[in-house]
Amino acid sequence: MSEFTSTTTALPGRSSLKHMVNQSTVLLMVSIGSLILALALLILFHQNATATKGYMLRNLERERSQLLLEEEILNMQVAEAQALHRLSEDPLVQAMIPARNPRFMERDTTVAAKIKKD
């Protein structure tokens, strides 16, 4: 009978060991699942932030091209306004009287040069 009692006493130890193995397996599965879920959420937030930046970048590129087009149109309007033929057709310019007997400087001096009086 001593063999029977030693076997029955060993069974509760095995049962406890089996229970601990099952608990550790469940704990391992839960921790791995939690880690996978946390990583999936991090990837989701990162992808969302990247998509938002891409959307903003696309909008800024579109706005930039529109502003460049507007700048080009304004530059053309400025060039047209500064054109000589447009200035010559201006009524204010046409009302000007041509100069009679213009006098030009003979020497290469500046207008502000002092003339020495001897």
Protein backbone atom coordinates (compact mmCIF):
# COMPACT_ATOMS: atom_id res chain seq x y z
CA MET A 1 0.00 0.00 0.00
CA SER A 2 2.87 2.31 0.42
CA GLU A 3 3.22 2.43 -3.35
CA PHE A 4 -0.43 3.46 -3.68
CA THR A 5 -0.10 6.26 -1.20
CA SER A 6 3.05 7.54 -2.85
CA THR A 7 1.26 7.61 -6.22
CA THR A 8 -1.75 9.41 -4.83
CA THR A 9 0.43 11.96 -3.11
CA ALA A 10 2.32 12.58 -6.34
CA LEU A 11 -0.89 13.26 -8.27
CA PRO A 12 -1.77 16.45 -6.45
CA GLY A 13 1.72 17.79 -7.26
CA ARG A 14 1.25 16.94 -10.91
CA SER A 15 -2.16 18.53 -10.91
CA SER A 16 -0.69 21.69 -9.44
CA LEU A 17 2.13 21.66 -12.00
CA LYS A 18 -0.34 21.11 -14.84
CA HIS A 19 -2.48 23.96 -13.52
CA MET A 20 0.59 26.25 -13.36
CA VAL A 21 1.59 25.31 -16.93
CA ASN A 22 -1.93 26.05 -18.14
CA GLN A 23 -1.92 29.39 -16.33
CA SER A 24 1.46 30.36 -17.74
CA THR A 25 0.34 29.36 -21.25
CA VAL A 26 -2.79 31.47 -20.92
CA LEU A 27 -0.76 34.36 -19.50
CA LEU A 28 1.74 34.08 -22.37
CA MET A 29 -1.06 34.06 -24.96
CA VAL A 30 -2.75 37.08 -23.33
CA SER A 31 0.51 39.03 -23.15
CA ILE A 32 1.37 38.22 -26.80
CA GLY A 33 -2.15 39.17 -27.85
CA SER A 34 -1.92 42.44 -25.92
CA LEU A 35 1.45 43.20 -27.50
CA ILE A 36 0.07 42.52 -30.98
CA LEU A 37 -2.95 44.72 -30.27
CA ALA A 38 -0.76 47.55 -28.95
CA LEU A 39 1.52 47.36 -32.00
CA ALA A 40 -1.48 47.32 -34.33
CA LEU A 41 -2.84 50.47 -32.65
CA LEU A 42 0.55 52.18 -32.91
CA ILE A 43 0.76 51.32 -36.61
CA LEU A 44 -2.77 52.60 -37.13
CA PHE A 45 -2.02 55.94 -35.45
CA HIS A 46 1.25 56.28 -37.37
CA GLN A 47 -0.45 55.57 -40.71
CA ASN A 48 -3.19 58.05 -39.86
CA ALA A 49 -0.62 60.76 -39.08
CA THR A 50 1.25 60.01 -42.31
CA ALA A 51 -1.94 60.15 -44.37
CA THR A 52 -2.89 63.46 -42.76
CA LYS A 53 0.53 64.94 -43.58
CA GLY A 54 0.25 63.68 -47.16
CA TYR A 55 -3.17 65.28 -47.51
CA MET A 56 -1.87 68.59 -46.16
CA LEU A 57 1.16 68.40 -48.43
CA ARG A 58 -1.03 67.81 -51.48
CA ASN A 59 -3.21 70.80 -50.56
CA LEU A 60 -0.14 72.99 -50.07
CA GLU A 61 1.28 71.91 -53.44
CA ARG A 62 -2.01 72.79 -55.12
CA GLU A 63 -2.08 76.18 -53.39
CA ARG A 64 1.55 76.79 -54.37
CA SER A 65 0.85 76.11 -58.04
CA GLN A 66 -2.16 78.43 -57.95
CA LEU A 67 -0.07 81.18 -56.36
CA LEU A 68 2.69 80.69 -58.95
CA LEU A 69 0.10 81.00 -61.72
CA GLU A 70 -1.30 84.17 -60.15
CA GLU A 71 2.24 85.57 -59.85
CA GLU A 72 2.91 84.86 -63.51
CA ILE A 73 -0.34 86.57 -64.52
CA LEU A 74 0.51 89.61 -62.37
CA ASN A 75 4.02 89.77 -63.87
CA MET A 76 2.50 89.75 -67.36
CA GLN A 77 0.12 92.55 -66.37
CA VAL A 78 3.03 94.59 -64.96
CA ALA A 79 5.06 94.03 -68.12
CA GLU A 80 2.13 95.12 -70.26
CA ALA A 81 1.60 98.22 -68.15
CA GLN A 82 5.28 99.13 -68.47
CA ALA A 83 5.49 98.55 -72.21
CA LEU A 84 6.66 101.54 -74.28
CA HIS A 85 3.79 101.43 -76.74
CA ARG A 86 1.34 101.61 -73.86
CA LEU A 87 3.19 104.57 -72.39
CA SER A 88 3.27 106.32 -75.74
CA GLU A 89 -0.51 105.96 -76.06
CA ASP A 90 -1.07 107.43 -72.61
CA PRO A 91 -2.95 110.79 -72.89
CA LEU A 92 -0.68 112.38 -70.28
CA VAL A 93 2.43 111.50 -72.31
CA GLN A 94 0.80 112.70 -75.55
CA ALA A 95 -0.02 116.04 -73.92
CA MET A 96 3.67 116.71 -73.29
CA ILE A 97 5.36 119.36 -75.45
CA PRO A 98 8.64 118.44 -77.13
CA ALA A 99 11.68 120.33 -75.80
CA ARG A 100 13.02 123.20 -77.96
CA ASN A 101 16.74 123.84 -78.09
CA PRO A 102 17.84 121.23 -75.58
CA ARG A 103 21.21 121.83 -73.92
CA PHE A 104 23.42 118.92 -73.07
CA MET A 105 26.43 118.75 -70.78
CA GLU A 106 29.70 118.94 -72.62
CA ARG A 107 31.93 117.30 -70.06
CA ASP A 108 31.68 114.07 -68.13
CA THR A 109 31.00 115.60 -64.74
CA THR A 110 28.32 115.06 -62.22
CA VAL A 111 25.57 117.56 -61.71
CA ALA A 112 26.58 118.09 -58.09
CA ALA A 113 30.24 118.84 -58.90
CA LYS A 114 31.56 122.12 -57.49
CA ILE A 115 32.82 124.66 -59.98
CA LYS A 116 35.98 126.39 -58.76
CA LYS A 117 35.94 130.14 -58.96
CA ASP A 118 39.36 131.63 -59.45
